[in-house]
C-alpha atoms as a PDB file:
ATOM      1  CA  MET A   1     156.538-236.391-194.675  1.00  0.00           C
ATOM      2  CA  ARG A   2     153.908-237.479-192.149  1.00  0.00           C
ATOM      3  CA  ILE A   3     150.620-235.665-192.794  1.00  0.00           C
ATOM      4  CA  GLN A   4     147.377-235.815-190.816  1.00  0.00           C
ATOM      5  CA  ALA A   5     144.165-234.034-191.790  1.00  0.00           C
ATOM      6  CA  ILE A   6     140.780-233.216-190.315  1.00  0.00           C
ATOM      7  CA  SER A   7     137.737-231.178-191.323  1.00  0.00           C
ATOM      8  CA  ASP A   8     134.267-230.268-190.073  1.00  0.00           C
ATOM      9  CA  ILE A   9     135.045-230.124-186.390  1.00  0.00           C
ATOM     10  CA  HIS A  10     132.068-227.820-185.716  1.00  0.00           C
ATOM     11  CA  GLY A  11     133.388-226.950-182.284  1.00  0.00           C
ATOM     12  CA  LYS A  12     133.616-230.611-181.218  1.00  0.00           C
ATOM     13  CA  LEU A  13     137.352-230.738-180.649  1.00  0.00           C
ATOM     14  CA  PRO A  14     138.823-234.251-180.610  1.00  0.00           C
ATOM     15  CA  LYS A  15     139.612-235.360-177.071  1.00  0.00           C
ATOM     16  CA  GLU A  16     142.744-237.156-178.217  1.00  0.00           C
ATOM     17  CA  PRO A  17     145.520-235.277-180.054  1.00  0.00           C
ATOM     18  CA  CYS A  18     146.322-236.049-183.650  1.00  0.00           C
ATOM     19  CA  PRO A  19     148.961-238.692-184.381  1.00  0.00           C
ATOM     20  CA  GLU A  20     152.442-237.211-184.322  1.00  0.00           C
ATOM     21  CA  CYS A  21     153.121-235.633-187.701  1.00  0.00           C
ATOM     22  CA  ASP A  22     155.107-233.091-189.662  1.00  0.00           C
ATOM     23  CA  LEU A  23     151.992-231.358-190.977  1.00  0.00           C
ATOM     24  CA  LEU A  24     148.428-231.106-189.703  1.00  0.00           C
ATOM     25  CA  ILE A  25     145.829-229.883-192.235  1.00  0.00           C
ATOM     26  CA  ILE A  26     142.463-228.489-191.119  1.00  0.00           C
ATOM     27  CA  ALA A  27     139.963-228.112-193.973  1.00  0.00           C
ATOM     28  CA  GLY A  28     137.295-225.813-192.570  1.00  0.00           C
ATOM     29  CA  ASP A  29     134.089-225.683-190.521  1.00  0.00           C
ATOM     30  CA  VAL A  30     136.115-225.251-187.382  1.00  0.00           C
ATOM     31  CA  CYS A  31     133.709-223.169-185.272  1.00  0.00           C
ATOM     32  CA  PRO A  32     130.641-224.235-183.325  1.00  0.00           C
ATOM     33  CA  ASP A  33     127.334-222.839-184.525  1.00  0.00           C
ATOM     34  CA  LEU A  34     127.204-220.074-181.942  1.00  0.00           C
ATOM     35  CA  ARG A  35     125.154-216.903-182.005  1.00  0.00           C
ATOM     36  CA  PRO A  36     125.920-214.060-181.649  1.00  0.00           C
ATOM     37  CA  ILE A  37     129.059-214.161-183.773  1.00  0.00           C
ATOM     38  CA  GLU A  38     131.301-212.781-181.018  1.00  0.00           C
ATOM     39  CA  GLU A  39     130.861-216.114-179.248  1.00  0.00           C
ATOM     40  CA  GLN A  40     132.570-217.830-182.173  1.00  0.00           C
ATOM     41  CA  GLY A  41     135.463-215.394-181.906  1.00  0.00           C
ATOM     42  CA  ARG A  42     135.748-215.970-178.184  1.00  0.00           C
ATOM     43  CA  TRP A  43     135.679-219.744-178.700  1.00  0.00           C
ATOM     44  CA  LEU A  44     138.515-219.535-181.225  1.00  0.00           C
ATOM     45  CA  GLY A  45     140.738-217.729-178.752  1.00  0.00           C
ATOM     46  CA  GLU A  46     139.747-219.583-175.593  1.00  0.00           C
ATOM     47  CA  LYS A  47     139.263-223.137-176.904  1.00  0.00           C
ATOM     48  CA  PHE A  48     140.648-223.645-180.392  1.00  0.00           C
ATOM     49  CA  VAL A  49     144.045-221.987-180.006  1.00  0.00           C
ATOM     50  CA  PRO A  50     144.877-223.953-176.795  1.00  0.00           C
ATOM     51  CA  TRP A  51     143.792-227.148-178.586  1.00  0.00           C
ATOM     52  CA  LEU A  52     146.124-226.357-181.488  1.00  0.00           C
ATOM     53  CA  ARG A  53     149.005-225.935-179.041  1.00  0.00           C
ATOM     54  CA  GLU A  54     148.418-229.478-177.799  1.00  0.00           C
ATOM     55  CA  GLN A  55     148.777-231.081-181.222  1.00  0.00           C
ATOM     56  CA  PRO A  56     152.066-232.935-181.854  1.00  0.00           C
ATOM     57  CA  ALA A  57     152.469-231.403-185.309  1.00  0.00           C
ATOM     58  CA  THR A  58     155.497-229.496-186.553  1.00  0.00           C
ATOM     59  CA  ARG A  59     153.345-227.266-188.819  1.00  0.00           C
ATOM     60  CA  ILE A  60     149.611-226.571-188.904  1.00  0.00           C
ATOM     61  CA  VAL A  61     147.829-225.093-191.914  1.00  0.00           C
ATOM     62  CA  GLY A  62     144.152-224.741-192.665  1.00  0.00           C
ATOM     63  CA  THR A  63     141.258-222.855-194.166  1.00  0.00           C
ATOM     64  CA  TRP A  64     137.729-221.988-193.076  1.00  0.00           C
ATOM     65  CA  GLY A  65     134.288-223.222-194.074  1.00  0.00           C
ATOM     66  CA  ASN A  66     130.687-222.130-194.401  1.00  0.00           C
ATOM     67  CA  HIS A  67     130.041-222.282-190.648  1.00  0.00           C
ATOM     68  CA  ASP A  68     132.982-220.012-189.805  1.00  0.00           C
ATOM     69  CA  PHE A  69     131.256-216.608-189.692  1.00  0.00           C
ATOM     70  CA  ALA A  70     133.637-214.807-187.318  1.00  0.00           C
ATOM     71  CA  PRO A  71     136.696-215.476-189.524  1.00  0.00           C
ATOM     72  CA  MET A  72     134.775-214.428-192.645  1.00  0.00           C
ATOM     73  CA  TRP A  73     133.756-211.079-191.194  1.00  0.00           C
ATOM     74  CA  LYS A  74     137.078-210.731-189.350  1.00  0.00           C
ATOM     75  CA  LYS A  75     135.137-209.607-186.320  1.00  0.00           C
ATOM     76  CA  HIS A  76     135.482-210.481-182.682  1.00  0.00           C
ATOM     77  CA  ILE A  77     138.791-212.280-183.176  1.00  0.00           C
ATOM     78  CA  PRO A  78     142.277-210.958-182.417  1.00  0.00           C
ATOM     79  CA  GLU A  79     144.233-209.770-185.446  1.00  0.00           C
ATOM     80  CA  GLU A  80     147.083-212.102-184.486  1.00  0.00           C
ATOM     81  CA  LEU A  81     144.925-215.028-183.427  1.00  0.00           C
ATOM     82  CA  PHE A  82     147.432-217.739-184.303  1.00  0.00           C
ATOM     83  CA  GLY A  83     150.782-215.956-184.524  1.00  0.00           C
ATOM     84  CA  GLU A  84     153.363-218.539-185.550  1.00  0.00           C
ATOM     85  CA  LEU A  85     151.244-221.396-184.221  1.00  0.00           C
ATOM     86  CA  ALA A  86     149.273-222.000-187.437  1.00  0.00           C
ATOM     87  CA  THR A  87     148.461-220.547-190.847  1.00  0.00           C
ATOM     88  CA  PHE A  88     144.802-220.272-191.886  1.00  0.00           C
ATOM     89  CA  GLY A  89     144.378-218.893-195.380  1.00  0.00           C
ATOM     90  CA  VAL A  90     141.703-217.635-197.746  1.00  0.00           C
ATOM     91  CA  ASP A  91     142.931-218.183-201.289  1.00  0.00           C
ATOM     92  CA  GLU A  92     146.522-218.216-200.091  1.00  0.00           C
ATOM     93  CA  LEU A  93     149.646-220.155-201.068  1.00  0.00           C
ATOM     94  CA  VAL A  94     151.864-221.479-198.299  1.00  0.00           C
ATOM     95  CA  GLU A  95     154.981-223.627-198.454  1.00  0.00           C
ATOM     96  CA  VAL A  96     155.855-226.334-195.942  1.00  0.00           C
ATOM     97  CA  GLU A  97     159.187-228.103-196.335  1.00  0.00           C
ATOM     98  CA  GLY A  98     159.087-227.567-200.078  1.00  0.00           C
ATOM     99  CA  LEU A  99     155.426-228.580-200.474  1.00  0.00           C
ATOM    100  CA  LYS A 100     153.243-225.994-202.209  1.00  0.00           C
ATOM    101  CA  ILE A 101     149.816-225.803-200.549  1.00  0.00           C
ATOM    102  CA  TRP A 102     146.814-223.680-201.571  1.00  0.00           C
ATOM    103  CA  LEU A 103     144.165-222.860-198.948  1.00  0.00           C
ATOM    104  CA  THR A 104     140.635-221.988-200.101  1.00  0.00           C
ATOM    105  CA  PRO A 105     137.352-222.029-198.129  1.00  0.00           C
ATOM    106  CA  TRP A 106     134.599-221.517-200.717  1.00  0.00           C
ATOM    107  CA  VAL A 107     131.508-223.695-201.263  1.00  0.00           C
ATOM    108  CA  PRO A 108     128.682-223.436-203.843  1.00  0.00           C
ATOM    109  CA  ASN A 109     124.907-223.457-203.654  1.00  0.00           C
ATOM    110  CA  LEU A 110     124.459-221.976-200.191  1.00  0.00           C
ATOM    111  CA  SER A 111     122.919-218.607-199.402  1.00  0.00           C
ATOM    112  CA  ARG A 112     123.573-216.617-196.215  1.00  0.00           C
ATOM    113  CA  TRP A 113     126.489-218.767-195.126  1.00  0.00           C
ATOM    114  CA  ALA A 114     130.129-217.908-194.621  1.00  0.00           C
ATOM    115  CA  PHE A 115     132.521-218.286-197.577  1.00  0.00           C
ATOM    116  CA  ALA A 116     129.668-219.422-199.813  1.00  0.00           C
ATOM    117  CA  PHE A 117     127.914-218.486-203.042  1.00  0.00           C
ATOM    118  CA  ALA A 118     124.252-218.947-203.970  1.00  0.00           C
ATOM    119  CA  GLU A 119     125.378-220.683-207.166  1.00  0.00           C
ATOM    120  CA  ASP A 120     128.766-222.121-208.081  1.00  0.00           C
ATOM    121  CA  VAL A 121     131.984-220.448-206.983  1.00  0.00           C
ATOM    122  CA  PRO A 122     132.989-217.967-209.727  1.00  0.00           C
ATOM    123  CA  ALA A 123     135.666-219.167-212.140  1.00  0.00           C
ATOM    124  CA  PRO A 124     137.984-216.167-211.471  1.00  0.00           C
ATOM    125  CA  ILE A 125     138.354-217.303-207.854  1.00  0.00           C
ATOM    126  CA  ARG A 126     139.219-220.785-209.053  1.00  0.00           C
ATOM    127  CA  LYS A 127     141.708-219.425-211.592  1.00  0.00           C
ATOM    128  CA  GLU A 128     143.793-218.199-208.653  1.00  0.00           C
ATOM    129  CA  ILE A 129     144.564-221.837-207.812  1.00  0.00           C
ATOM    130  CA  PRO A 130     148.080-222.261-209.227  1.00  0.00           C
ATOM    131  CA  GLU A 131     149.460-225.137-211.214  1.00  0.00           C
ATOM    132  CA  GLY A 132     152.190-227.277-209.704  1.00  0.00           C
ATOM    133  CA  LEU A 133     150.477-227.694-206.341  1.00  0.00           C
ATOM    134  CA  ASP A 134     151.360-230.533-204.048  1.00  0.00           C
ATOM    135  CA  ILE A 135     148.230-230.080-201.916  1.00  0.00           C
ATOM    136  CA  LEU A 136     144.994-228.196-202.548  1.00  0.00           C
ATOM    137  CA  VAL A 137     143.080-227.658-199.305  1.00  0.00           C
ATOM    138  CA  SER A 138     139.460-226.772-200.096  1.00  0.00           C
ATOM    139  CA  HIS A 139     136.584-226.859-197.653  1.00  0.00           C
ATOM    140  CA  GLY A 140     134.171-227.933-200.374  1.00  0.00           C
ATOM    141  CA  PRO A 141     134.826-230.927-202.650  1.00  0.00           C
ATOM    142  CA  PRO A 142     135.080-230.780-206.430  1.00  0.00           C
ATOM    143  CA  PHE A 143     131.995-231.950-208.271  1.00  0.00           C
ATOM    144  CA  GLY A 144     131.751-235.727-208.475  1.00  0.00           C
ATOM    145  CA  TYR A 145     134.059-236.548-205.558  1.00  0.00           C
ATOM    146  CA  PHE A 146     132.648-237.345-202.106  1.00  0.00           C
ATOM    147  CA  ASP A 147     129.885-234.789-202.605  1.00  0.00           C
ATOM    148  CA  GLU A 148     126.618-236.753-202.354  1.00  0.00           C
ATOM    149  CA  ALA A 149     124.736-235.028-199.550  1.00  0.00           C
ATOM    150  CA  GLN A 150     121.971-236.778-197.634  1.00  0.00           C
ATOM    151  CA  ARG A 151     119.163-235.511-195.465  1.00  0.00           C
ATOM    152  CA  PRO A 152     118.755-236.937-191.954  1.00  0.00           C
ATOM    153  CA  ASP A 153     116.070-239.263-193.311  1.00  0.00           C
ATOM    154  CA  GLY A 154     118.644-240.756-195.681  1.00  0.00           C
ATOM    155  CA  LEU A 155     117.309-239.254-198.897  1.00  0.00           C
ATOM    156  CA  ILE A 156     119.992-237.884-201.187  1.00  0.00           C
ATOM    157  CA  ILE A 157     119.964-234.150-201.836  1.00  0.00           C
ATOM    158  CA  GLY A 158     121.038-233.431-205.374  1.00  0.00           C
ATOM    159  CA  ASN A 159     119.999-232.398-208.831  1.00  0.00           C
ATOM    160  CA  SER A 160     119.055-233.968-212.132  1.00  0.00           C
ATOM    161  CA  ASP A 161     122.617-234.007-213.430  1.00  0.00           C
ATOM    162  CA  PRO A 162     123.467-237.278-215.233  1.00  0.00           C
ATOM    163  CA  TRP A 163     126.372-237.740-212.801  1.00  0.00           C
ATOM    164  CA  GLY A 164     123.828-238.287-210.050  1.00  0.00           C
ATOM    165  CA  SER A 165     123.088-236.401-206.857  1.00  0.00           C
ATOM    166  CA  HIS A 166     126.365-234.514-206.541  1.00  0.00           C
ATOM    167  CA  VAL A 167     126.510-231.081-204.903  1.00  0.00           C
ATOM    168  CA  GLY A 168     130.216-230.275-205.221  1.00  0.00           C
ATOM    169  CA  SER A 169     131.707-227.392-207.154  1.00  0.00           C
ATOM    170  CA  LYS A 170     131.960-227.798-210.910  1.00  0.00           C
ATOM    171  CA  SER A 171     134.237-224.768-211.168  1.00  0.00           C
ATOM    172  CA  LEU A 172     136.613-226.426-208.696  1.00  0.00           C
ATOM    173  CA  ARG A 173     136.567-229.666-210.657  1.00  0.00           C
ATOM    174  CA  ASN A 174     137.262-227.776-213.873  1.00  0.00           C
ATOM    175  CA  ARG A 175     140.237-226.006-212.318  1.00  0.00           C
ATOM    176  CA  CYS A 176     141.570-229.267-210.906  1.00  0.00           C
ATOM    177  CA  LEU A 177     141.465-230.740-214.406  1.00  0.00           C
ATOM    178  CA  GLU A 178     143.601-227.799-215.558  1.00  0.00           C
ATOM    179  CA  ALA A 179     145.946-227.318-212.598  1.00  0.00           C
ATOM    180  CA  LYS A 180     146.231-231.021-211.649  1.00  0.00           C
ATOM    181  CA  PRO A 181     147.045-230.789-207.930  1.00  0.00           C
ATOM    182  CA  LYS A 182     148.737-233.926-206.648  1.00  0.00           C
ATOM    183  CA  VAL A 183     146.455-234.112-203.604  1.00  0.00           C
ATOM    184  CA  VAL A 184     143.116-232.497-202.723  1.00  0.00           C
ATOM    185  CA  VAL A 185     142.060-232.369-199.068  1.00  0.00           C
ATOM    186  CA  CYS A 186     138.441-231.356-198.470  1.00  0.00           C
ATOM    187  CA  GLY A 187     135.406-231.855-196.251  1.00  0.00           C
ATOM    188  CA  HIS A 188     131.986-230.141-196.096  1.00  0.00           C
ATOM    189  CA  ILE A 189     129.924-233.222-197.032  1.00  0.00           C
ATOM    190  CA  HIS A 190     130.211-235.217-193.819  1.00  0.00           C
ATOM    191  CA  GLU A 191     128.900-238.499-195.212  1.00  0.00           C
ATOM    192  CA  GLY A 192     131.401-238.242-198.064  1.00  0.00           C
ATOM    193  CA  ARG A 193     134.399-239.083-195.897  1.00  0.00           C
ATOM    194  CA  GLY A 194     136.846-241.211-197.861  1.00  0.00           C
ATOM    195  CA  PHE A 195     139.802-241.493-200.225  1.00  0.00           C
ATOM    196  CA  SER A 196     140.011-241.903-203.998  1.00  0.00           C
ATOM    197  CA  THR A 197     142.224-241.329-206.990  1.00  0.00           C
ATOM    198  CA  THR A 198     141.113-238.729-209.537  1.00  0.00           C
ATOM    199  CA  VAL A 199     140.745-238.445-213.295  1.00  0.00           C
ATOM    200  CA  TRP A 200     143.650-235.967-213.328  1.00  0.00           C
ATOM    201  CA  ASP A 201     145.960-238.619-211.819  1.00  0.00           C
ATOM    202  CA  GLY A 202     145.886-237.166-208.327  1.00  0.00           C
ATOM    203  CA  LYS A 203     144.489-238.212-204.964  1.00  0.00           C
ATOM    204  CA  ILE A 204     141.555-236.785-203.034  1.00  0.00           C
ATOM    205  CA  TYR A 205     140.683-237.076-199.362  1.00  0.00           C
ATOM    206  CA  ASN A 206     137.430-236.021-197.725  1.00  0.00           C
ATOM    207  CA  VAL A 207     138.554-235.768-194.111  1.00  0.00           C
ATOM    208  CA  SER A 208     135.266-234.816-192.411  1.00  0.00           C
ATOM    209  CA  SER A 209     135.494-235.784-188.757  1.00  0.00           C
ATOM    210  CA  LEU A 210     131.742-235.832-188.023  1.00  0.00           C
ATOM    211  CA  ASP A 211     129.056-237.846-189.788  1.00  0.00           C
ATOM    212  CA  ARG A 212     125.815-236.359-191.147  1.00  0.00           C
ATOM    213  CA  ARG A 213     124.285-236.532-187.645  1.00  0.00           C
ATOM    214  CA  TYR A 214     127.313-234.610-186.301  1.00  0.00           C
ATOM    215  CA  GLU A 215     128.586-237.661-184.427  1.00  0.00           C
ATOM    216  CA  PRO A 216     132.367-238.248-184.497  1.00  0.00           C
ATOM    217  CA  TYR A 217     133.988-240.726-186.815  1.00  0.00           C
ATOM    218  CA  ASP A 218     136.643-242.980-185.305  1.00  0.00           C
ATOM    219  CA  PRO A 219     139.408-242.097-185.903  1.00  0.00           C
ATOM    220  CA  ARG A 220     138.768-238.365-186.232  1.00  0.00           C
ATOM    221  CA  PHE A 221     141.999-237.727-188.152  1.00  0.00           C
ATOM    222  CA  MET A 222     142.958-239.169-191.539  1.00  0.00           C
ATOM    223  CA  GLU A 223     146.466-239.830-192.794  1.00  0.00           C
ATOM    224  CA  VAL A 224     147.287-238.171-196.117  1.00  0.00           C
ATOM    225  CA  GLU A 225     149.940-239.422-198.508  1.00  0.00           C
ATOM    226  CA  ILE A 226     151.600-237.356-201.209  1.00  0.00           C
END
């Protein structure tokens, strides 16, 4: 199966369509930072949905992120925003050509943001992630993987943990160690874009499409292999 993925669009839709694929994954922070919130909802209907229609992908699945306030509050967006065009889930299991995919938007250590908690994401939410997954789509990364955040001046934002300056979710990492998804697709930490294997014998992709200055990477999309 041909899979392409992207995250952290922040309203800056790629000018070129994704490479032709069977599955396009979108891992959150879709909306521009617009206020009031109804502007986000209007943008989703007027800009994002037409852009999705242009993508040469057989199936499109995704989740939201901490900048996606209108989807979190379910305000100012049509109830059937996507119809059969795409599936965007919040702690939801979908199946695509036999692949089991879990969609979850949550991030830790952020107050007053969408799909976020002031501390780590509670373990009961993580326990919903089933075993036997082919792909886990999470906006935020698990702790220790592509999660070193930097300020614009280049200084790393982190804590005193012996792992270093990592800001990912420990509860997500713990659940990954238990559930062992074959592939994790995430974003959130723009400068963490990359690919790695994991200690639970899986693969992880941070597919952020903008860097920490919100400038586009080239290419914007990343190929994902199962």
